């Protein structure tokens, strides 16, 4: 992975074999990012996405392997209890243009991924909401 920072924007290239969420973390920690928006595209060899069922309060994951093109990857970087936290969603298409997506758990790059991280001036932490069963924004 290689990246450059231009004022409040980071442009990153994530390379073949690297895992996207791990690289987001690496950048956020190196740049001390507390709040940012993330968007990306690229090619994948495998990924895990899923859906949190709010009734069951259970995450349902799906694993995909093969040739996939990222249609959209979007989300946030912020903190939970003052530590790094990211919330990313992704959609990826196969060779037949079937699209699969959901909450991104992890994704391995097969060729390259291009990412833009826009750093926001501020801080938004998260807290676990018992009723919903998720980590929600906590504004201070």
N, C-alpha and C. Protein backbone atom coordinates (compact mmCIF):
# COMPACT_ATOMS: atom_id res chain seq x y z
N UNK A 1 0.85 -1.17 0.00
CA UNK A 1 0.00 0.00 0.00
C UNK A 1 0.89 1.23 0.00
N UNK A 2 0.42 2.22 -0.71
CA UNK A 2 1.10 3.50 -0.71
C UNK A 2 0.02 4.58 -0.71
N UNK A 3 0.30 5.68 -0.02
CA UNK A 3 -0.67 6.77 0.00
C UNK A 3 0.03 8.11 0.11
N UNK A 4 -0.71 9.16 -0.24
CA UNK A 4 -0.25 10.53 -0.09
C UNK A 4 -1.38 11.35 0.52
N UNK A 5 -0.98 12.29 1.38
CA UNK A 5 -1.96 13.19 1.99
C UNK A 5 -1.86 14.55 1.32
N UNK A 6 -3.00 15.08 0.92
CA UNK A 6 -3.12 16.40 0.32
C UNK A 6 -4.09 17.20 1.18
N UNK A 7 -3.57 18.00 2.10
CA UNK A 7 -4.39 18.75 3.06
C UNK A 7 -5.29 17.80 3.84
N UNK A 8 -6.61 17.86 3.62
CA UNK A 8 -7.54 17.02 4.38
C UNK A 8 -7.99 15.77 3.61
N UNK A 9 -7.26 15.43 2.53
CA UNK A 9 -7.64 14.28 1.70
C UNK A 9 -6.44 13.34 1.53
N UNK A 10 -6.71 12.06 1.67
CA UNK A 10 -5.69 11.03 1.45
C UNK A 10 -6.10 10.21 0.23
N UNK A 11 -5.15 10.03 -0.67
CA UNK A 11 -5.34 9.17 -1.83
C UNK A 11 -4.45 7.96 -1.61
N UNK A 12 -5.05 6.76 -1.65
CA UNK A 12 -4.30 5.54 -1.36
C UNK A 12 -4.43 4.53 -2.49
N UNK A 13 -3.35 3.80 -2.70
CA UNK A 13 -3.35 2.64 -3.59
C UNK A 13 -3.11 1.42 -2.72
N UNK A 14 -4.08 0.52 -2.70
CA UNK A 14 -3.94 -0.73 -1.95
C UNK A 14 -3.59 -1.80 -2.98
N UNK A 15 -2.55 -2.56 -2.69
CA UNK A 15 -1.97 -3.46 -3.68
C UNK A 15 -2.47 -4.90 -3.59
N UNK A 16 -2.19 -5.64 -4.63
CA UNK A 16 -2.55 -7.05 -4.76
C UNK A 16 -2.16 -7.82 -3.50
N UNK A 17 -3.12 -8.60 -2.98
CA UNK A 17 -2.88 -9.43 -1.81
C UNK A 17 -3.12 -8.74 -0.49
N UNK A 18 -3.29 -7.42 -0.49
CA UNK A 18 -3.53 -6.70 0.76
C UNK A 18 -5.01 -6.69 1.11
N UNK A 19 -5.27 -6.61 2.40
CA UNK A 19 -6.65 -6.62 2.89
C UNK A 19 -7.07 -5.18 3.14
N UNK A 20 -8.22 -4.78 2.59
CA UNK A 20 -8.65 -3.39 2.59
C UNK A 20 -8.87 -2.81 3.99
N UNK A 21 -9.62 -3.49 4.84
CA UNK A 21 -9.94 -2.93 6.16
C UNK A 21 -8.66 -2.73 6.99
N UNK A 22 -7.74 -3.66 6.88
CA UNK A 22 -6.46 -3.53 7.60
C UNK A 22 -5.69 -2.31 7.12
N UNK A 23 -5.75 -2.02 5.82
CA UNK A 23 -5.03 -0.87 5.28
C UNK A 23 -5.70 0.44 5.69
N UNK A 24 -7.04 0.45 5.79
CA UNK A 24 -7.74 1.63 6.29
C UNK A 24 -7.28 1.92 7.72
N UNK A 25 -7.21 0.88 8.51
CA UNK A 25 -6.74 1.03 9.90
C UNK A 25 -5.32 1.57 9.95
N UNK A 26 -4.47 1.00 9.12
CA UNK A 26 -3.06 1.42 9.09
C UNK A 26 -2.93 2.91 8.77
N UNK A 27 -3.68 3.37 7.77
CA UNK A 27 -3.65 4.79 7.40
C UNK A 27 -4.20 5.65 8.53
N UNK A 28 -5.36 5.26 9.07
CA UNK A 28 -6.01 6.05 10.12
C UNK A 28 -5.11 6.20 11.34
N UNK A 29 -4.45 5.13 11.71
CA UNK A 29 -3.56 5.20 12.88
C UNK A 29 -2.31 6.01 12.58
N UNK A 30 -1.74 5.85 11.40
CA UNK A 30 -0.53 6.61 11.04
C UNK A 30 -0.81 8.10 10.95
N UNK A 31 -1.99 8.45 10.46
CA UNK A 31 -2.35 9.86 10.26
C UNK A 31 -3.16 10.42 11.43
N UNK A 32 -3.38 9.61 12.46
CA UNK A 32 -4.14 10.01 13.64
C UNK A 32 -5.52 10.57 13.28
N UNK A 33 -6.23 9.84 12.42
CA UNK A 33 -7.55 10.26 11.95
C UNK A 33 -8.60 9.87 12.99
N UNK A 34 -9.39 10.83 13.42
CA UNK A 34 -10.47 10.59 14.37
C UNK A 34 -11.84 10.62 13.71
N UNK A 35 -11.93 11.25 12.52
CA UNK A 35 -13.21 11.33 11.81
C UNK A 35 -12.92 11.54 10.32
N UNK A 36 -13.51 10.68 9.48
CA UNK A 36 -13.31 10.79 8.03
C UNK A 36 -14.38 10.00 7.29
N UNK A 37 -14.54 10.35 6.02
CA UNK A 37 -15.38 9.54 5.12
C UNK A 37 -14.45 8.79 4.18
N UNK A 38 -14.90 7.61 3.75
CA UNK A 38 -14.08 6.72 2.93
C UNK A 38 -14.87 6.32 1.70
N UNK A 39 -14.19 6.28 0.55
CA UNK A 39 -14.78 5.72 -0.66
C UNK A 39 -13.67 5.03 -1.45
N UNK A 40 -14.04 3.98 -2.17
CA UNK A 40 -13.03 3.23 -2.91
C UNK A 40 -13.64 2.42 -4.04
N UNK A 41 -12.77 1.94 -4.90
CA UNK A 41 -13.13 0.98 -5.95
C UNK A 41 -11.94 0.05 -6.10
N UNK A 42 -12.07 -0.95 -6.95
CA UNK A 42 -10.95 -1.87 -7.15
C UNK A 42 -11.39 -3.25 -7.56
N UNK A 43 -10.44 -4.17 -7.52
CA UNK A 43 -10.69 -5.56 -7.90
C UNK A 43 -10.34 -6.47 -6.73
N UNK A 44 -11.16 -7.50 -6.52
CA UNK A 44 -11.01 -8.38 -5.36
C UNK A 44 -10.91 -9.84 -5.77
N UNK A 45 -10.20 -10.60 -4.93
CA UNK A 45 -10.15 -12.06 -5.11
C UNK A 45 -11.07 -12.77 -4.13
N UNK A 46 -11.36 -12.09 -3.00
CA UNK A 46 -12.32 -12.63 -2.04
C UNK A 46 -12.75 -11.53 -1.09
N UNK A 47 -13.94 -11.71 -0.52
CA UNK A 47 -14.44 -10.74 0.46
C UNK A 47 -15.53 -11.35 1.31
N UNK A 48 -15.74 -10.74 2.47
CA UNK A 48 -16.79 -11.12 3.40
C UNK A 48 -17.64 -9.89 3.70
N UNK A 49 -18.93 -10.02 3.47
CA UNK A 49 -19.89 -8.95 3.77
C UNK A 49 -21.09 -9.59 4.46
N UNK A 50 -21.93 -8.76 5.05
CA UNK A 50 -23.09 -9.33 5.69
C UNK A 50 -24.12 -8.30 6.06
N UNK A 51 -25.07 -8.78 6.84
CA UNK A 51 -26.21 -7.99 7.27
C UNK A 51 -26.47 -8.26 8.73
N UNK A 52 -26.70 -7.20 9.49
CA UNK A 52 -27.08 -7.35 10.89
C UNK A 52 -28.59 -7.35 10.96
N UNK A 53 -29.17 -8.45 11.42
CA UNK A 53 -30.62 -8.57 11.58
C UNK A 53 -30.98 -7.94 12.92
N UNK A 54 -31.69 -6.80 12.88
CA UNK A 54 -32.00 -6.06 14.10
C UNK A 54 -33.04 -6.78 14.97
N UNK A 55 -33.82 -7.66 14.39
CA UNK A 55 -34.80 -8.42 15.18
C UNK A 55 -34.08 -9.52 15.96
N UNK A 56 -33.26 -10.31 15.24
CA UNK A 56 -32.51 -11.40 15.89
C UNK A 56 -31.30 -10.88 16.67
N UNK A 57 -30.86 -9.66 16.35
CA UNK A 57 -29.62 -9.09 16.89
C UNK A 57 -28.44 -10.02 16.59
N UNK A 58 -28.39 -10.42 15.31
CA UNK A 58 -27.38 -11.36 14.85
C UNK A 58 -26.86 -10.94 13.48
N UNK A 59 -25.54 -11.08 13.30
CA UNK A 59 -24.91 -10.76 12.02
C UNK A 59 -24.92 -12.00 11.14
N UNK A 60 -25.36 -11.84 9.91
CA UNK A 60 -25.37 -12.93 8.93
C UNK A 60 -24.33 -12.60 7.86
N UNK A 61 -23.26 -13.39 7.80
CA UNK A 61 -22.18 -13.12 6.87
C UNK A 61 -22.22 -13.98 5.62
N UNK A 62 -21.59 -13.45 4.58
CA UNK A 62 -21.47 -14.16 3.30
C UNK A 62 -20.04 -14.04 2.81
N UNK A 63 -19.49 -15.16 2.33
CA UNK A 63 -18.12 -15.19 1.82
C UNK A 63 -18.15 -15.39 0.31
N UNK A 64 -17.33 -14.63 -0.41
CA UNK A 64 -17.26 -14.72 -1.87
C UNK A 64 -15.80 -14.87 -2.29
N UNK A 65 -15.55 -15.77 -3.23
CA UNK A 65 -14.21 -15.97 -3.81
C UNK A 65 -14.33 -15.97 -5.32
N UNK A 66 -13.32 -15.42 -5.98
CA UNK A 66 -13.32 -15.37 -7.44
C UNK A 66 -12.94 -13.98 -7.90
N UNK A 67 -13.33 -13.64 -9.13
CA UNK A 67 -13.03 -12.33 -9.70
C UNK A 67 -14.22 -11.39 -9.45
N UNK A 68 -13.96 -10.32 -8.72
CA UNK A 68 -15.01 -9.34 -8.40
C UNK A 68 -14.49 -7.93 -8.59
N UNK A 69 -15.37 -7.06 -9.03
CA UNK A 69 -15.06 -5.65 -9.21
C UNK A 69 -15.87 -4.86 -8.18
N UNK A 70 -15.19 -4.02 -7.42
CA UNK A 70 -15.88 -3.19 -6.43
C UNK A 70 -16.72 -2.15 -7.17
N UNK A 71 -18.02 -2.20 -6.97
CA UNK A 71 -18.94 -1.24 -7.55
C UNK A 71 -18.98 0.02 -6.68
N UNK A 72 -18.96 -0.20 -5.37
CA UNK A 72 -18.99 0.91 -4.42
C UNK A 72 -18.46 0.43 -3.08
N UNK A 73 -17.62 1.25 -2.48
CA UNK A 73 -17.19 1.04 -1.11
C UNK A 73 -17.27 2.40 -0.44
N UNK A 74 -18.03 2.47 0.63
CA UNK A 74 -18.24 3.75 1.30
C UNK A 74 -18.37 3.54 2.80
N UNK A 75 -18.05 4.57 3.56
CA UNK A 75 -18.20 4.44 4.99
C UNK A 75 -17.50 5.54 5.76
N UNK A 76 -17.24 5.25 7.03
CA UNK A 76 -16.65 6.24 7.92
C UNK A 76 -15.49 5.65 8.71
N UNK A 77 -14.63 6.54 9.13
CA UNK A 77 -13.63 6.26 10.15
C UNK A 77 -14.01 7.15 11.32
N UNK A 78 -14.05 6.60 12.50
CA UNK A 78 -14.25 7.40 13.70
C UNK A 78 -13.66 6.63 14.87
N UNK A 79 -14.18 6.80 16.06
CA UNK A 79 -13.62 6.12 17.22
C UNK A 79 -14.72 5.46 18.04
N UNK A 80 -14.33 4.48 18.83
CA UNK A 80 -15.18 3.88 19.85
C UNK A 80 -14.32 3.80 21.10
N UNK A 81 -14.78 4.44 22.15
CA UNK A 81 -14.00 4.53 23.39
C UNK A 81 -12.62 5.13 23.11
N UNK A 82 -12.59 6.08 22.18
CA UNK A 82 -11.36 6.78 21.85
C UNK A 82 -10.40 6.04 20.94
N UNK A 83 -10.72 4.81 20.56
CA UNK A 83 -9.84 3.99 19.71
C UNK A 83 -10.40 3.91 18.28
N UNK A 84 -9.53 3.55 17.34
CA UNK A 84 -9.92 3.42 15.93
C UNK A 84 -11.18 2.57 15.77
N UNK A 85 -12.06 3.03 14.90
CA UNK A 85 -13.28 2.30 14.55
C UNK A 85 -13.61 2.66 13.11
N UNK A 86 -14.02 1.69 12.33
CA UNK A 86 -14.46 1.99 10.98
C UNK A 86 -15.76 1.24 10.69
N UNK A 87 -16.60 1.85 9.89
CA UNK A 87 -17.86 1.24 9.48
C UNK A 87 -17.94 1.40 7.97
N UNK A 88 -17.76 0.28 7.26
CA UNK A 88 -17.70 0.29 5.80
C UNK A 88 -18.75 -0.64 5.21
N UNK A 89 -19.32 -0.21 4.09
CA UNK A 89 -20.22 -1.05 3.30
C UNK A 89 -19.65 -1.15 1.90
N UNK A 90 -19.89 -2.30 1.26
CA UNK A 90 -19.33 -2.52 -0.06
C UNK A 90 -20.28 -3.34 -0.93
N UNK A 91 -20.27 -3.01 -2.22
CA UNK A 91 -20.95 -3.81 -3.24
C UNK A 91 -19.90 -4.21 -4.26
N UNK A 92 -19.96 -5.46 -4.72
CA UNK A 92 -19.01 -5.94 -5.72
C UNK A 92 -19.75 -6.79 -6.75
N UNK A 93 -19.31 -6.68 -8.00
CA UNK A 93 -19.96 -7.40 -9.10
C UNK A 93 -19.07 -8.52 -9.62
N UNK A 94 -19.72 -9.62 -10.03
CA UNK A 94 -18.98 -10.73 -10.64
C UNK A 94 -18.97 -10.54 -12.16
N UNK A 95 -18.42 -11.50 -12.88
CA UNK A 95 -18.27 -11.42 -14.33
C UNK A 95 -19.62 -11.31 -15.05
N UNK A 96 -20.69 -11.78 -14.42
CA UNK A 96 -22.02 -11.71 -15.03
C UNK A 96 -22.82 -10.49 -14.58
N UNK A 97 -22.16 -9.55 -13.91
CA UNK A 97 -22.77 -8.31 -13.40
C UNK A 97 -23.75 -8.55 -12.25
N UNK A 98 -23.65 -9.71 -11.60
CA UNK A 98 -24.41 -9.94 -10.37
C UNK A 98 -23.70 -9.17 -9.26
N UNK A 99 -24.46 -8.42 -8.49
CA UNK A 99 -23.86 -7.58 -7.45
C UNK A 99 -24.23 -8.13 -6.08
N UNK A 100 -23.23 -8.20 -5.21
CA UNK A 100 -23.40 -8.67 -3.84
C UNK A 100 -22.81 -7.62 -2.92
N UNK A 101 -23.40 -7.46 -1.75
CA UNK A 101 -22.84 -6.46 -0.85
C UNK A 101 -23.43 -6.50 0.53
N UNK A 102 -22.98 -5.55 1.32
CA UNK A 102 -23.43 -5.41 2.69
C UNK A 102 -22.34 -4.77 3.52
N UNK A 103 -22.42 -5.01 4.83
CA UNK A 103 -21.41 -4.50 5.76
C UNK A 103 -20.10 -5.23 5.48
N UNK A 104 -19.03 -4.48 5.24
CA UNK A 104 -17.74 -5.08 4.89
C UNK A 104 -17.01 -5.58 6.13
N UNK A 105 -16.68 -6.86 6.12
CA UNK A 105 -15.87 -7.47 7.18
C UNK A 105 -14.41 -7.43 6.75
N UNK A 106 -14.12 -7.94 5.55
CA UNK A 106 -12.77 -7.89 5.00
C UNK A 106 -12.83 -8.15 3.50
N UNK A 107 -11.78 -7.73 2.80
CA UNK A 107 -11.72 -7.91 1.36
C UNK A 107 -10.26 -7.93 0.93
N UNK A 108 -9.89 -8.92 0.11
CA UNK A 108 -8.52 -9.05 -0.38
C UNK A 108 -8.45 -8.56 -1.82
N UNK A 109 -7.51 -7.67 -2.07
CA UNK A 109 -7.33 -7.06 -3.39
C UNK A 109 -6.67 -8.06 -4.34
N UNK A 110 -7.22 -8.16 -5.56
CA UNK A 110 -6.65 -9.05 -6.57
C UNK A 110 -5.73 -8.33 -7.55
N UNK A 111 -5.91 -7.05 -7.73
CA UNK A 111 -5.08 -6.26 -8.66
C UNK A 111 -4.68 -4.95 -7.98
N UNK A 112 -5.66 -4.09 -7.75
CA UNK A 112 -5.43 -2.83 -7.08
C UNK A 112 -6.74 -2.30 -6.53
N UNK A 113 -6.64 -1.41 -5.58
CA UNK A 113 -7.80 -0.68 -5.07
C UNK A 113 -7.39 0.77 -4.91
N UNK A 114 -8.24 1.68 -5.36
CA UNK A 114 -7.99 3.11 -5.23
C UNK A 114 -8.95 3.66 -4.19
N UNK A 115 -8.41 4.36 -3.21
CA UNK A 115 -9.21 4.83 -2.09
C UNK A 115 -9.02 6.32 -1.87
N UNK A 116 -10.10 6.98 -1.49
CA UNK A 116 -10.06 8.38 -1.11
C UNK A 116 -10.61 8.48 0.31
N UNK A 117 -9.83 9.08 1.19
CA UNK A 117 -10.25 9.30 2.57
C UNK A 117 -10.29 10.81 2.79
N UNK A 118 -11.47 11.32 3.13
CA UNK A 118 -11.63 12.75 3.40
C UNK A 118 -11.69 12.96 4.91
N UNK A 119 -10.68 13.61 5.43
CA UNK A 119 -10.59 13.84 6.87
C UNK A 119 -11.48 15.01 7.25
N UNK A 120 -12.28 14.80 8.28
CA UNK A 120 -13.20 15.83 8.76
C UNK A 120 -12.68 16.42 10.06
N UNK A 121 -12.90 17.70 10.22
CA UNK A 121 -12.44 18.40 11.42
C UNK A 121 -13.45 18.14 12.54
N UNK A 122 -13.13 17.23 13.41
CA UNK A 122 -14.02 16.91 14.51
C UNK A 122 -13.76 15.52 15.02
N UNK A 123 -14.62 15.11 15.94
CA UNK A 123 -14.51 13.78 16.53
C UNK A 123 -15.92 13.29 16.84
N UNK A 124 -16.21 12.06 16.44
CA UNK A 124 -17.47 11.41 16.77
C UNK A 124 -17.12 10.03 17.29
N UNK A 125 -17.46 9.76 18.53
CA UNK A 125 -17.19 8.46 19.13
C UNK A 125 -18.40 7.56 18.91
N UNK A 126 -18.34 6.34 19.36
CA UNK A 126 -19.47 5.41 19.28
C UNK A 126 -19.73 4.79 20.64
N UNK A 127 -20.96 4.32 20.82
CA UNK A 127 -21.35 3.59 22.02
C UNK A 127 -22.24 2.44 21.59
N UNK A 128 -22.25 1.38 22.39
CA UNK A 128 -23.10 0.23 22.08
C UNK A 128 -24.50 0.51 22.59
N UNK A 129 -25.48 0.44 21.69
CA UNK A 129 -26.88 0.64 22.04
C UNK A 129 -27.53 -0.72 22.23
N UNK A 130 -27.93 -1.02 23.45
CA UNK A 130 -28.53 -2.33 23.79
C UNK A 130 -29.79 -2.62 22.99
N UNK A 131 -30.65 -1.61 22.84
CA UNK A 131 -31.93 -1.81 22.15
C UNK A 131 -31.72 -2.18 20.68
N UNK A 132 -30.85 -1.44 20.01
CA UNK A 132 -30.60 -1.68 18.59
C UNK A 132 -29.64 -2.84 18.39
N UNK A 133 -28.65 -2.95 19.28
CA UNK A 133 -27.67 -4.02 19.17
C UNK A 133 -26.46 -3.64 18.34
N UNK A 134 -26.27 -2.35 18.13
CA UNK A 134 -25.17 -1.87 17.29
C UNK A 134 -24.41 -0.74 17.98
N UNK A 135 -23.21 -0.45 17.44
CA UNK A 135 -22.42 0.69 17.91
C UNK A 135 -22.87 1.93 17.15
N UNK A 136 -23.50 2.86 17.85
CA UNK A 136 -24.07 4.06 17.23
C UNK A 136 -23.19 5.28 17.49
N UNK A 137 -23.35 6.31 16.65
CA UNK A 137 -22.66 7.57 16.87
C UNK A 137 -22.99 8.15 18.23
N UNK A 138 -21.99 8.68 18.89
CA UNK A 138 -22.18 9.40 20.17
C UNK A 138 -21.57 10.78 19.98
N UNK A 139 -22.43 11.79 19.99
CA UNK A 139 -21.97 13.16 19.78
C UNK A 139 -21.68 13.80 21.12
N UNK A 140 -20.51 14.38 21.25
CA UNK A 140 -20.12 15.00 22.52
C UNK A 140 -20.21 16.50 22.43
